[in-house]
Amino acid sequence: MHEPIRASELVGEYLAQPDYKADFRAVQSSIAGQESWKLERRQHFRQPGAPRWEAFARGDWTRALELIEERRHSAPELLAKAANLAIRMHRVRVVKQPLSPYLQWELHSLKVSAECGELIRVVPANLVRDLEAESELPELITLGPSVAYHILYTDSGEPNGGVKVTHPGTVARITGLTRYLYEAGEDIATFFEREVAPLPPPPGEHALRD
């Protein structure tokens, strides 16, 4: 059994959102032929300014799905760059039932990402219960064997930069835990068809807040 990873252990350089994005792109360019492992735990995020999220937020489910489908014809920048560099992008998506409206929307988006080349598996929240006796697992991503980021969000779920972690032992632990969960997970395609495709449209973000 893997030991939990706590946010308090993730010591490194704090990067504000623009600096985090720039640093991520620079590091990604240097790890051709290697692997990236992402652990996504929160059940709700906000993405103001992203048209497909904005459509979901205002309750326009048809338009939200149309915009997600448009990504299929132009692979997202991150995935396109990873493909050019032969980087294998792995993602573990922790899912709590019943699905939050946000997560229902995001799983549609992740299905397209998987069809564009990202390797995505879903794990139920009860699988990580023993790892969360003190706190939820943090949002994490590694780039190669030497760099990881603790991705930060505001209380409402908006991006808020990240902490760049370069301690070799910590990066190895993050990779090991994420790989373990990935191997225990279910491919997003089968999960989506069974648990997401039959659902009616969710209420939008704005409807939930009103």
N, C-alpha and C. Protein backbone atom coordinates (compact mmCIF):
# COMPACT_ATOMS: atom_id res chain seq x y z
N MET A 1 0.84 -1.20 0.00
CA MET A 1 0.00 0.00 0.00
C MET A 1 0.88 1.25 0.00
N HIS A 2 0.54 2.20 -0.82
CA HIS A 2 1.32 3.43 -0.89
C HIS A 2 0.97 4.35 0.27
N GLU A 3 1.96 5.11 0.69
CA GLU A 3 1.75 6.12 1.72
C GLU A 3 1.06 7.34 1.10
N PRO A 4 0.20 8.01 1.86
CA PRO A 4 -0.46 9.22 1.33
C PRO A 4 0.55 10.32 1.06
N ILE A 5 0.20 11.18 0.13
CA ILE A 5 1.00 12.37 -0.15
C ILE A 5 0.18 13.57 0.30
N ARG A 6 0.75 14.35 1.21
CA ARG A 6 0.05 15.50 1.78
C ARG A 6 0.59 16.79 1.17
N ALA A 7 -0.29 17.75 1.05
CA ALA A 7 0.12 19.04 0.48
C ALA A 7 1.27 19.66 1.25
N SER A 8 1.29 19.44 2.59
CA SER A 8 2.33 20.05 3.42
C SER A 8 3.73 19.51 3.08
N GLU A 9 3.80 18.35 2.45
CA GLU A 9 5.09 17.76 2.08
C GLU A 9 5.65 18.33 0.78
N LEU A 10 4.82 19.01 0.03
CA LEU A 10 5.19 19.41 -1.33
C LEU A 10 5.86 20.77 -1.29
N VAL A 11 7.11 20.74 -0.90
CA VAL A 11 7.90 21.97 -0.72
C VAL A 11 8.61 22.29 -2.03
N GLY A 12 8.53 23.55 -2.42
CA GLY A 12 9.21 23.96 -3.64
C GLY A 12 8.97 25.42 -3.93
N GLU A 13 9.12 25.80 -5.18
CA GLU A 13 8.99 27.19 -5.61
C GLU A 13 7.55 27.48 -6.01
N TYR A 14 6.93 28.46 -5.36
CA TYR A 14 5.57 28.85 -5.77
C TYR A 14 5.64 29.66 -7.05
N LEU A 15 4.77 29.33 -7.98
CA LEU A 15 4.67 30.04 -9.25
C LEU A 15 3.24 30.52 -9.44
N ALA A 16 3.06 31.83 -9.65
CA ALA A 16 1.74 32.36 -9.96
C ALA A 16 1.26 31.78 -11.29
N GLN A 17 -0.03 31.88 -11.57
CA GLN A 17 -0.60 31.16 -12.71
C GLN A 17 0.14 31.40 -14.03
N PRO A 18 0.43 32.64 -14.44
CA PRO A 18 1.15 32.82 -15.72
C PRO A 18 2.55 32.19 -15.69
N ASP A 19 3.23 32.30 -14.56
CA ASP A 19 4.58 31.73 -14.44
C ASP A 19 4.52 30.21 -14.42
N TYR A 20 3.51 29.66 -13.76
CA TYR A 20 3.34 28.21 -13.75
C TYR A 20 3.15 27.68 -15.17
N LYS A 21 2.28 28.32 -15.94
CA LYS A 21 2.03 27.86 -17.30
C LYS A 21 3.29 27.95 -18.16
N ALA A 22 4.04 29.04 -18.01
CA ALA A 22 5.27 29.21 -18.79
C ALA A 22 6.32 28.18 -18.38
N ASP A 23 6.46 27.96 -17.07
CA ASP A 23 7.44 26.99 -16.59
C ASP A 23 7.06 25.58 -17.05
N PHE A 24 5.79 25.26 -16.98
CA PHE A 24 5.32 23.94 -17.41
C PHE A 24 5.69 23.71 -18.87
N ARG A 25 5.42 24.69 -19.72
CA ARG A 25 5.73 24.53 -21.15
C ARG A 25 7.23 24.35 -21.36
N ALA A 26 8.04 25.10 -20.61
CA ALA A 26 9.49 25.00 -20.78
C ALA A 26 10.00 23.63 -20.36
N VAL A 27 9.50 23.12 -19.23
CA VAL A 27 9.95 21.81 -18.77
C VAL A 27 9.45 20.73 -19.71
N GLN A 28 8.21 20.85 -20.15
CA GLN A 28 7.67 19.85 -21.08
C GLN A 28 8.54 19.73 -22.33
N SER A 29 9.07 20.85 -22.80
CA SER A 29 9.89 20.84 -24.00
C SER A 29 11.20 20.08 -23.80
N SER A 30 11.56 19.83 -22.54
CA SER A 30 12.87 19.22 -22.26
C SER A 30 12.78 17.73 -21.94
N ILE A 31 11.59 17.14 -22.00
CA ILE A 31 11.45 15.74 -21.56
C ILE A 31 10.99 14.82 -22.69
N ALA A 32 11.45 15.08 -23.89
CA ALA A 32 11.05 14.24 -25.03
C ALA A 32 11.27 12.77 -24.73
N GLY A 33 10.28 11.96 -25.09
CA GLY A 33 10.38 10.52 -24.93
C GLY A 33 10.13 10.01 -23.53
N GLN A 34 9.75 10.89 -22.60
CA GLN A 34 9.53 10.47 -21.21
C GLN A 34 8.03 10.45 -20.89
N GLU A 35 7.70 10.41 -19.61
CA GLU A 35 6.31 10.25 -19.19
C GLU A 35 5.86 11.40 -18.30
N SER A 36 4.54 11.61 -18.32
CA SER A 36 3.91 12.57 -17.42
C SER A 36 2.75 11.84 -16.73
N TRP A 37 2.60 12.10 -15.41
CA TRP A 37 1.55 11.46 -14.63
C TRP A 37 0.75 12.54 -13.90
N LYS A 38 -0.56 12.56 -14.13
CA LYS A 38 -1.42 13.58 -13.51
C LYS A 38 -2.45 12.91 -12.61
N LEU A 39 -2.62 13.47 -11.41
CA LEU A 39 -3.62 13.01 -10.46
C LEU A 39 -4.61 14.14 -10.23
N GLU A 40 -5.87 13.89 -10.55
CA GLU A 40 -6.92 14.90 -10.44
C GLU A 40 -7.94 14.41 -9.42
N ARG A 41 -8.07 15.12 -8.31
CA ARG A 41 -8.90 14.65 -7.20
C ARG A 41 -10.15 15.48 -6.95
N ARG A 42 -10.05 16.80 -7.05
CA ARG A 42 -11.20 17.65 -6.75
C ARG A 42 -12.39 17.30 -7.64
N GLN A 43 -13.57 17.46 -7.11
CA GLN A 43 -14.78 17.14 -7.87
C GLN A 43 -15.41 18.37 -8.53
N HIS A 44 -14.80 19.52 -8.33
CA HIS A 44 -15.36 20.75 -8.90
C HIS A 44 -14.26 21.77 -9.16
N PHE A 45 -14.24 22.28 -10.38
CA PHE A 45 -13.35 23.38 -10.75
C PHE A 45 -14.18 24.44 -11.46
N ARG A 46 -13.60 25.61 -11.58
CA ARG A 46 -14.20 26.68 -12.39
C ARG A 46 -13.17 27.13 -13.42
N GLN A 47 -13.64 27.39 -14.64
CA GLN A 47 -12.75 27.79 -15.73
C GLN A 47 -13.29 29.03 -16.44
N PRO A 48 -13.44 30.13 -15.72
CA PRO A 48 -13.95 31.34 -16.37
C PRO A 48 -13.09 31.73 -17.57
N GLY A 49 -13.74 32.10 -18.65
CA GLY A 49 -13.03 32.47 -19.87
C GLY A 49 -12.90 31.35 -20.87
N ALA A 50 -13.07 30.10 -20.44
CA ALA A 50 -13.03 28.97 -21.37
C ALA A 50 -14.42 28.79 -21.97
N PRO A 51 -14.60 28.96 -23.29
CA PRO A 51 -15.94 28.96 -23.87
C PRO A 51 -16.75 27.71 -23.56
N ARG A 52 -16.10 26.53 -23.59
CA ARG A 52 -16.89 25.31 -23.35
C ARG A 52 -17.36 25.23 -21.89
N TRP A 53 -16.53 25.75 -20.94
CA TRP A 53 -16.98 25.78 -19.55
C TRP A 53 -18.06 26.84 -19.37
N GLU A 54 -17.90 27.98 -20.01
CA GLU A 54 -18.89 29.05 -19.89
C GLU A 54 -20.25 28.57 -20.39
N ALA A 55 -20.26 27.78 -21.47
CA ALA A 55 -21.53 27.26 -21.98
C ALA A 55 -22.17 26.33 -20.94
N PHE A 56 -21.37 25.45 -20.35
CA PHE A 56 -21.88 24.59 -19.28
C PHE A 56 -22.39 25.43 -18.12
N ALA A 57 -21.63 26.45 -17.72
CA ALA A 57 -21.97 27.25 -16.55
C ALA A 57 -23.31 27.96 -16.71
N ARG A 58 -23.61 28.40 -17.93
CA ARG A 58 -24.89 29.10 -18.14
C ARG A 58 -26.03 28.14 -18.46
N GLY A 59 -25.74 26.82 -18.46
CA GLY A 59 -26.78 25.83 -18.66
C GLY A 59 -27.05 25.48 -20.10
N ASP A 60 -26.18 25.88 -21.03
CA ASP A 60 -26.35 25.56 -22.45
C ASP A 60 -25.59 24.26 -22.75
N TRP A 61 -26.18 23.16 -22.36
CA TRP A 61 -25.51 21.87 -22.46
C TRP A 61 -25.21 21.48 -23.91
N THR A 62 -26.14 21.77 -24.81
CA THR A 62 -25.92 21.43 -26.23
C THR A 62 -24.69 22.15 -26.75
N ARG A 63 -24.57 23.44 -26.46
CA ARG A 63 -23.41 24.21 -26.93
C ARG A 63 -22.13 23.75 -26.25
N ALA A 64 -22.21 23.41 -24.96
CA ALA A 64 -21.03 22.93 -24.25
C ALA A 64 -20.48 21.67 -24.92
N LEU A 65 -21.36 20.74 -25.28
CA LEU A 65 -20.91 19.51 -25.94
C LEU A 65 -20.38 19.79 -27.35
N GLU A 66 -20.99 20.73 -28.05
CA GLU A 66 -20.50 21.10 -29.38
C GLU A 66 -19.07 21.62 -29.30
N LEU A 67 -18.81 22.47 -28.31
CA LEU A 67 -17.47 23.05 -28.16
C LEU A 67 -16.46 21.99 -27.74
N ILE A 68 -16.88 21.04 -26.92
CA ILE A 68 -15.98 19.93 -26.57
C ILE A 68 -15.64 19.12 -27.81
N GLU A 69 -16.63 18.85 -28.63
CA GLU A 69 -16.39 18.06 -29.85
C GLU A 69 -15.44 18.78 -30.81
N GLU A 70 -15.49 20.10 -30.82
CA GLU A 70 -14.61 20.86 -31.72
C GLU A 70 -13.14 20.63 -31.40
N ARG A 71 -12.84 20.27 -30.13
CA ARG A 71 -11.45 20.00 -29.74
C ARG A 71 -10.90 18.78 -30.47
N ARG A 72 -11.79 17.89 -30.90
CA ARG A 72 -11.36 16.68 -31.59
C ARG A 72 -10.62 17.00 -32.89
N HIS A 73 -11.00 18.11 -33.51
CA HIS A 73 -10.44 18.46 -34.81
C HIS A 73 -9.17 19.29 -34.70
N SER A 74 -8.85 19.72 -33.51
CA SER A 74 -7.58 20.43 -33.27
C SER A 74 -7.13 20.05 -31.88
N ALA A 75 -6.31 19.02 -31.78
CA ALA A 75 -5.91 18.48 -30.48
C ALA A 75 -5.44 19.60 -29.58
N PRO A 76 -5.84 19.58 -28.30
CA PRO A 76 -5.39 20.63 -27.37
C PRO A 76 -3.88 20.82 -27.40
N GLU A 77 -3.46 22.05 -27.17
CA GLU A 77 -2.04 22.40 -27.28
C GLU A 77 -1.14 21.46 -26.49
N LEU A 78 -1.53 21.18 -25.26
CA LEU A 78 -0.71 20.33 -24.40
C LEU A 78 -0.53 18.95 -25.00
N LEU A 79 -1.61 18.36 -25.52
CA LEU A 79 -1.53 17.01 -26.09
C LEU A 79 -0.77 17.02 -27.41
N ALA A 80 -0.99 18.05 -28.21
CA ALA A 80 -0.29 18.12 -29.49
C ALA A 80 1.22 18.23 -29.27
N LYS A 81 1.62 19.06 -28.32
CA LYS A 81 3.05 19.21 -28.04
C LYS A 81 3.62 17.92 -27.48
N ALA A 82 2.87 17.26 -26.58
CA ALA A 82 3.34 15.99 -26.02
C ALA A 82 3.51 14.95 -27.12
N ALA A 83 2.57 14.91 -28.05
CA ALA A 83 2.66 13.94 -29.14
C ALA A 83 3.89 14.20 -29.99
N ASN A 84 4.16 15.46 -30.29
CA ASN A 84 5.34 15.81 -31.09
C ASN A 84 6.63 15.41 -30.40
N LEU A 85 6.62 15.43 -29.06
CA LEU A 85 7.82 15.09 -28.29
C LEU A 85 7.82 13.63 -27.82
N ALA A 86 6.83 12.87 -28.26
CA ALA A 86 6.71 11.46 -27.86
C ALA A 86 6.64 11.29 -26.34
N ILE A 87 5.92 12.22 -25.68
CA ILE A 87 5.69 12.14 -24.23
C ILE A 87 4.39 11.39 -23.99
N ARG A 88 4.42 10.39 -23.14
CA ARG A 88 3.21 9.65 -22.80
C ARG A 88 2.52 10.35 -21.63
N MET A 89 1.32 10.87 -21.90
CA MET A 89 0.56 11.62 -20.91
C MET A 89 -0.45 10.70 -20.24
N HIS A 90 -0.26 10.46 -18.93
CA HIS A 90 -1.19 9.64 -18.16
C HIS A 90 -1.98 10.53 -17.20
N ARG A 91 -3.26 10.20 -17.03
CA ARG A 91 -4.08 10.95 -16.07
C ARG A 91 -4.95 9.96 -15.28
N VAL A 92 -5.01 10.19 -13.97
CA VAL A 92 -5.94 9.47 -13.11
C VAL A 92 -7.00 10.46 -12.66
N ARG A 93 -8.26 10.12 -12.92
CA ARG A 93 -9.36 10.99 -12.50
C ARG A 93 -10.14 10.29 -11.38
N VAL A 94 -10.04 10.82 -10.16
CA VAL A 94 -10.81 10.28 -9.04
C VAL A 94 -12.25 10.76 -9.18
N VAL A 95 -13.20 9.84 -9.04
CA VAL A 95 -14.61 10.15 -9.28
C VAL A 95 -15.45 9.72 -8.08
N LYS A 96 -16.22 10.65 -7.58
CA LYS A 96 -17.17 10.38 -6.50
C LYS A 96 -18.58 10.31 -7.08
N GLN A 97 -19.33 9.31 -6.64
CA GLN A 97 -20.72 9.17 -7.06
C GLN A 97 -21.66 9.70 -5.99
N PRO A 98 -22.79 10.33 -6.37
CA PRO A 98 -23.16 10.66 -7.74
C PRO A 98 -22.28 11.76 -8.31
N LEU A 99 -22.16 11.78 -9.62
CA LEU A 99 -21.28 12.75 -10.26
C LEU A 99 -21.77 14.18 -10.02
N SER A 100 -20.84 15.07 -9.70
CA SER A 100 -21.18 16.49 -9.64
C SER A 100 -21.47 16.97 -11.06
N PRO A 101 -22.28 18.03 -11.21
CA PRO A 101 -22.51 18.57 -12.56
C PRO A 101 -21.20 18.91 -13.28
N TYR A 102 -20.26 19.51 -12.54
CA TYR A 102 -18.98 19.83 -13.18
C TYR A 102 -18.31 18.58 -13.69
N LEU A 103 -18.27 17.53 -12.88
CA LEU A 103 -17.55 16.32 -13.27
C LEU A 103 -18.23 15.64 -14.46
N GLN A 104 -19.55 15.70 -14.51
CA GLN A 104 -20.25 15.15 -15.67
C GLN A 104 -19.78 15.87 -16.93
N TRP A 105 -19.68 17.19 -16.86
CA TRP A 105 -19.17 17.96 -18.00
C TRP A 105 -17.72 17.61 -18.29
N GLU A 106 -16.89 17.55 -17.26
CA GLU A 106 -15.47 17.31 -17.48
C GLU A 106 -15.22 15.94 -18.08
N LEU A 107 -15.99 14.94 -17.69
CA LEU A 107 -15.78 13.60 -18.24
C LEU A 107 -16.07 13.55 -19.74
N HIS A 108 -16.99 14.37 -20.20
CA HIS A 108 -17.18 14.49 -21.65
C HIS A 108 -15.92 15.04 -22.30
N SER A 109 -15.34 16.06 -21.67
CA SER A 109 -14.10 16.65 -22.20
C SER A 109 -12.94 15.67 -22.14
N LEU A 110 -12.83 14.93 -21.03
CA LEU A 110 -11.74 13.96 -20.90
C LEU A 110 -11.87 12.81 -21.89
N LYS A 111 -13.09 12.44 -22.23
CA LYS A 111 -13.29 11.39 -23.24
C LYS A 111 -12.67 11.82 -24.56
N VAL A 112 -12.87 13.08 -24.94
CA VAL A 112 -12.26 13.58 -26.17
C VAL A 112 -10.74 13.63 -26.04
N SER A 113 -10.24 14.06 -24.87
CA SER A 113 -8.79 14.09 -24.66
C SER A 113 -8.20 12.69 -24.82
N ALA A 114 -8.90 11.69 -24.30
CA ALA A 114 -8.41 10.31 -24.44
C ALA A 114 -8.40 9.89 -25.90
N GLU A 115 -9.40 10.30 -26.64
CA GLU A 115 -9.45 9.95 -28.06
C GLU A 115 -8.41 10.72 -28.86
N CYS A 116 -7.86 11.79 -28.27
CA CYS A 116 -6.77 12.54 -28.91
C CYS A 116 -5.39 12.07 -28.45
N GLY A 117 -5.33 11.07 -27.57
CA GLY A 117 -4.04 10.49 -27.22
C GLY A 117 -3.67 10.46 -25.76
N GLU A 118 -4.41 11.18 -24.88
CA GLU A 118 -4.09 11.13 -23.47
C GLU A 118 -4.55 9.79 -22.89
N LEU A 119 -3.75 9.21 -22.00
CA LEU A 119 -4.06 7.92 -21.40
C LEU A 119 -4.75 8.17 -20.07
N ILE A 120 -6.06 7.94 -20.03
CA ILE A 120 -6.87 8.37 -18.89
C ILE A 120 -7.61 7.17 -18.30
N ARG A 121 -7.51 7.04 -16.99
CA ARG A 121 -8.29 6.04 -16.27
C ARG A 121 -9.01 6.69 -15.09
N VAL A 122 -10.11 6.09 -14.71
CA VAL A 122 -10.97 6.59 -13.65
C VAL A 122 -10.87 5.66 -12.44
N VAL A 123 -10.76 6.25 -11.25
CA VAL A 123 -10.80 5.45 -10.02
C VAL A 123 -11.90 5.99 -9.12
N PRO A 124 -12.65 5.12 -8.43
CA PRO A 124 -13.68 5.59 -7.51
C PRO A 124 -13.07 6.21 -6.27
N ALA A 125 -13.78 7.15 -5.68
CA ALA A 125 -13.25 7.86 -4.51
C ALA A 125 -12.95 6.91 -3.36
N ASN A 126 -13.70 5.79 -3.25
CA ASN A 126 -13.43 4.89 -2.14
C ASN A 126 -12.08 4.19 -2.25
N LEU A 127 -11.50 4.19 -3.46
CA LEU A 127 -10.19 3.57 -3.64
C LEU A 127 -9.09 4.38 -2.98
N VAL A 128 -9.31 5.69 -2.80
CA VAL A 128 -8.29 6.53 -2.19
C VAL A 128 -8.61 6.87 -0.74
N ARG A 129 -9.67 6.27 -0.20
CA ARG A 129 -10.10 6.62 1.15
C ARG A 129 -8.99 6.42 2.18
N ASP A 130 -8.27 5.31 2.06
CA ASP A 130 -7.21 5.03 3.03
C ASP A 130 -6.03 6.00 2.90
N LEU A 131 -5.95 6.70 1.78
CA LEU A 131 -4.88 7.67 1.56
C LEU A 131 -5.27 9.06 2.04
N GLU A 132 -6.50 9.20 2.52
CA GLU A 132 -7.02 10.52 2.84
C GLU A 132 -7.53 10.61 4.28
N ALA A 133 -6.87 9.92 5.18
CA ALA A 133 -7.28 9.96 6.58
C ALA A 133 -7.19 11.37 7.15
N GLU A 134 -6.21 12.16 6.68
CA GLU A 134 -6.01 13.50 7.21
C GLU A 134 -6.53 14.59 6.27
N SER A 135 -6.41 14.39 4.98
CA SER A 135 -6.85 15.40 4.01
C SER A 135 -6.94 14.76 2.63
N GLU A 136 -7.68 15.43 1.73
CA GLU A 136 -7.77 14.94 0.37
C GLU A 136 -6.40 14.95 -0.31
N LEU A 137 -6.22 14.04 -1.23
CA LEU A 137 -4.99 14.06 -2.03
C LEU A 137 -4.91 15.37 -2.80
N PRO A 138 -3.72 15.91 -2.95
CA PRO A 138 -3.57 17.15 -3.73
C PRO A 138 -3.65 16.89 -5.22
N GLU A 139 -3.80 17.98 -5.97
CA GLU A 139 -3.78 17.91 -7.44
C GLU A 139 -2.31 17.94 -7.87
N LEU A 140 -1.90 16.94 -8.65
CA LEU A 140 -0.47 16.76 -8.94
C LEU A 140 -0.24 16.41 -10.40
N ILE A 141 0.92 16.80 -10.92
CA ILE A 141 1.35 16.34 -12.24
C ILE A 141 2.87 16.29 -12.26
N THR A 142 3.41 15.25 -12.88
CA THR A 142 4.85 15.13 -13.06
C THR A 142 5.21 15.34 -14.52
N LEU A 143 6.41 15.82 -14.75
CA LEU A 143 6.98 15.90 -16.10
C LEU A 143 8.35 15.23 -16.04
N GLY A 144 8.43 14.00 -16.57
CA GLY A 144 9.68 13.27 -16.46
C GLY A 144 9.95 12.86 -15.02
N PRO A 145 11.18 12.40 -14.74
CA PRO A 145 11.50 11.90 -13.40
C PRO A 145 11.96 12.95 -12.41
N SER A 146 12.10 14.21 -12.85
CA SER A 146 12.76 15.20 -12.00
C SER A 146 11.90 16.38 -11.57
N VAL A 147 10.71 16.55 -12.16
CA VAL A 147 9.89 17.72 -11.85
C VAL A 147 8.44 17.29 -11.64
N ALA A 148 7.84 17.84 -10.59
CA ALA A 148 6.40 17.70 -10.36
C ALA A 148 5.84 19.06 -9.98
N TYR A 149 4.55 19.22 -10.16
CA TYR A 149 3.88 20.44 -9.74
C TYR A 149 2.70 20.08 -8.85
N HIS A 150 2.57 20.79 -7.75
CA HIS A 150 1.36 20.75 -6.93
C HIS A 150 0.49 21.87 -7.49
N ILE A 151 -0.55 21.50 -8.21
CA ILE A 151 -1.40 22.48 -8.89
C ILE A 151 -2.37 23.06 -7.87
N LEU A 152 -2.42 24.38 -7.82
CA LEU A 152 -3.20 25.07 -6.78
C LEU A 152 -4.47 25.70 -7.36
N TYR A 153 -5.49 25.77 -6.51
CA TYR A 153 -6.77 26.36 -6.89
C TYR A 153 -7.29 27.20 -5.74
N THR A 154 -8.10 28.17 -6.07
CA THR A 154 -8.78 28.94 -5.04
C THR A 154 -9.85 28.05 -4.40
N ASP A 155 -10.43 28.54 -3.31
CA ASP A 155 -11.50 27.78 -2.65
C ASP A 155 -12.67 27.50 -3.59
N SER A 156 -12.90 28.41 -4.54
CA SER A 156 -14.02 28.22 -5.48
C SER A 156 -13.64 27.34 -6.67
N GLY A 157 -12.35 26.96 -6.77
CA GLY A 157 -11.95 26.04 -7.82
C GLY A 157 -11.31 26.66 -9.04
N GLU A 158 -10.87 27.93 -8.96
CA GLU A 158 -10.22 28.57 -10.09
C GLU A 158 -8.70 28.37 -10.01
N PRO A 159 -8.02 28.23 -11.15
CA PRO A 159 -6.57 28.03 -11.15
C PRO A 159 -5.85 29.13 -10.38
N ASN A 160 -4.85 28.72 -9.60
CA ASN A 160 -4.13 29.68 -8.75
C ASN A 160 -2.64 29.36 -8.70
N GLY A 161 -2.08 28.99 -9.86
CA GLY A 161 -0.65 28.72 -9.93
C GLY A 161 -0.29 27.33 -9.44
N GLY A 162 0.95 27.17 -9.03
CA GLY A 162 1.40 25.86 -8.57
C GLY A 162 2.72 25.94 -7.85
N VAL A 163 3.07 24.86 -7.18
CA VAL A 163 4.36 24.73 -6.50
C VAL A 163 5.20 23.74 -7.30
N LYS A 164 6.35 24.19 -7.75
CA LYS A 164 7.26 23.33 -8.51
C LYS A 164 8.12 22.54 -7.53
N VAL A 165 8.04 21.23 -7.63
CA VAL A 165 8.73 20.32 -6.72
C VAL A 165 9.83 19.60 -7.49
N THR A 166 11.06 19.66 -6.97
CA THR A 166 12.18 19.01 -7.67
C THR A 166 12.94 18.03 -6.78
N HIS A 167 12.48 17.80 -5.57
CA HIS A 167 13.14 16.82 -4.72
C HIS A 167 12.95 15.43 -5.34
N PRO A 168 14.04 14.73 -5.67
CA PRO A 168 13.90 13.46 -6.40
C PRO A 168 13.01 12.44 -5.70
N GLY A 169 13.14 12.33 -4.38
CA GLY A 169 12.34 11.36 -3.65
C GLY A 169 10.86 11.69 -3.70
N THR A 170 10.53 12.98 -3.60
CA THR A 170 9.13 13.39 -3.63
C THR A 170 8.53 13.17 -5.02
N VAL A 171 9.28 13.51 -6.06
CA VAL A 171 8.79 13.29 -7.43
C VAL A 171 8.57 11.80 -7.66
N ALA A 172 9.49 10.97 -7.17
CA ALA A 172 9.35 9.52 -7.34
C ALA A 172 8.11 9.00 -6.61
N ARG A 173 7.82 9.53 -5.42
CA ARG A 173 6.64 9.11 -4.67
C ARG A 173 5.36 9.50 -5.40
N ILE A 174 5.34 10.71 -5.95
CA ILE A 174 4.16 11.16 -6.70
C ILE A 174 3.94 10.26 -7.91
N THR A 175 5.02 9.98 -8.64
CA THR A 175 4.90 9.10 -9.81
C THR A 175 4.43 7.72 -9.40
N GLY A 176 4.99 7.18 -8.34
CA GLY A 176 4.64 5.84 -7.90
C GLY A 176 3.18 5.74 -7.49
N LEU A 177 2.70 6.72 -6.72
CA LEU A 177 1.31 6.69 -6.28
C LEU A 177 0.36 6.83 -7.46
N THR A 178 0.65 7.76 -8.35
CA THR A 178 -0.24 7.97 -9.49
C THR A 178 -0.25 6.74 -10.41
N ARG A 179 0.91 6.14 -10.61
CA ARG A 179 0.98 4.93 -11.41
C ARG A 179 0.16 3.79 -10.77
N TYR A 180 0.28 3.66 -9.45
CA TYR A 180 -0.48 2.64 -8.74
C TYR A 180 -1.99 2.83 -8.94
N LEU A 181 -2.47 4.06 -8.80
CA LEU A 181 -3.89 4.32 -8.99
C LEU A 181 -4.29 4.11 -10.44
N TYR A 182 -3.43 4.50 -11.35
CA TYR A 182 -3.72 4.31 -12.78
C TYR A 182 -3.90 2.82 -13.08
N GLU A 183 -3.01 2.00 -12.58
CA GLU A 183 -3.09 0.57 -12.85
C GLU A 183 -4.33 -0.05 -12.22
N ALA A 184 -4.83 0.56 -11.15
CA ALA A 184 -6.04 0.05 -10.49
C ALA A 184 -7.31 0.61 -11.12
N GLY A 185 -7.17 1.57 -12.02
CA GLY A 185 -8.33 2.27 -12.56
C GLY A 185 -8.99 1.59 -13.74
N GLU A 186 -10.07 2.21 -14.19
CA GLU A 186 -10.84 1.74 -15.34
C GLU A 186 -10.64 2.71 -16.50
N ASP A 187 -10.49 2.18 -17.69
CA ASP A 187 -10.35 3.03 -18.87
C ASP A 187 -11.55 3.97 -18.97
N ILE A 188 -11.27 5.22 -19.30
CA ILE A 188 -12.35 6.21 -19.31
C ILE A 188 -13.44 5.85 -20.32
N ALA A 189 -13.09 5.16 -21.41
CA ALA A 189 -14.09 4.84 -22.44
C ALA A 189 -15.20 3.96 -21.88
N THR A 190 -14.84 2.91 -21.16
CA THR A 190 -15.88 2.01 -20.63
C THR A 190 -16.63 2.67 -19.48
N PHE A 191 -15.91 3.43 -18.64
CA PHE A 191 -16.58 4.14 -17.54
C PHE A 191 -17.58 5.13 -18.11
N PHE A 192 -17.19 5.86 -19.13
CA PHE A 192 -18.05 6.89 -19.71
C PHE A 192 -19.34 6.27 -20.26
N GLU A 193 -19.20 5.20 -21.02
CA GLU A 193 -20.38 4.59 -21.63
C GLU A 193 -21.36 4.08 -20.58
N ARG A 194 -20.86 3.57 -19.49
CA ARG A 194 -21.72 3.01 -18.46
C ARG A 194 -22.29 4.07 -17.51
N GLU A 195 -21.46 5.03 -17.08
CA GLU A 195 -21.83 5.92 -15.99
C GLU A 195 -22.17 7.35 -16.42
N VAL A 196 -21.72 7.77 -17.59
CA VAL A 196 -21.89 9.17 -17.99
C VAL A 196 -22.85 9.33 -19.15
N ALA A 197 -22.68 8.54 -20.19
CA ALA A 197 -23.51 8.69 -21.39
C ALA A 197 -25.01 8.64 -21.11
N PRO A 198 -25.50 7.79 -20.19
CA PRO A 198 -26.96 7.74 -19.98
C PRO A 198 -27.54 8.91 -19.19
N LEU A 199 -26.71 9.77 -18.62
CA LEU A 199 -27.21 10.82 -17.73
C LEU A 199 -27.91 11.95 -18.48
N PRO A 200 -28.95 12.54 -17.90
CA PRO A 200 -29.55 13.73 -18.50
C PRO A 200 -28.62 14.93 -18.31
N PRO A 201 -28.83 16.00 -19.06
CA PRO A 201 -27.99 17.19 -18.89
C PRO A 201 -28.00 17.68 -17.45
N PRO A 202 -26.85 18.09 -16.93
CA PRO A 202 -26.79 18.58 -15.54
C PRO A 202 -27.20 20.04 -15.49
N PRO A 203 -27.52 20.53 -14.28
CA PRO A 203 -27.74 21.98 -14.14
C PRO A 203 -26.42 22.71 -14.33
N GLY A 204 -26.51 23.92 -14.87
CA GLY A 204 -25.30 24.70 -15.06
C GLY A 204 -24.76 25.27 -13.77
N GLU A 205 -23.53 25.73 -13.81
CA GLU A 205 -22.88 26.32 -12.64
C GLU A 205 -23.68 27.48 -12.08
N HIS A 206 -24.18 28.34 -12.96
CA HIS A 206 -24.89 29.52 -12.50
C HIS A 206 -26.20 29.14 -11.83
N ALA A 207 -26.87 28.09 -12.35
CA ALA A 207 -28.12 27.63 -11.74
C ALA A 207 -27.89 27.13 -10.33
N LEU A 208 -26.74 26.46 -10.13
CA LEU A 208 -26.42 25.93 -8.80
C LEU A 208 -26.16 27.05 -7.81
N ARG A 209 -25.65 28.19 -8.28
CA ARG A 209 -25.27 29.28 -7.38
C ARG A 209 -26.43 30.21 -7.10
N ASP A 210 -27.45 30.20 -7.96
CA ASP A 210 -28.58 31.11 -7.78
C ASP A 210 -29.53 30.63 -6.69
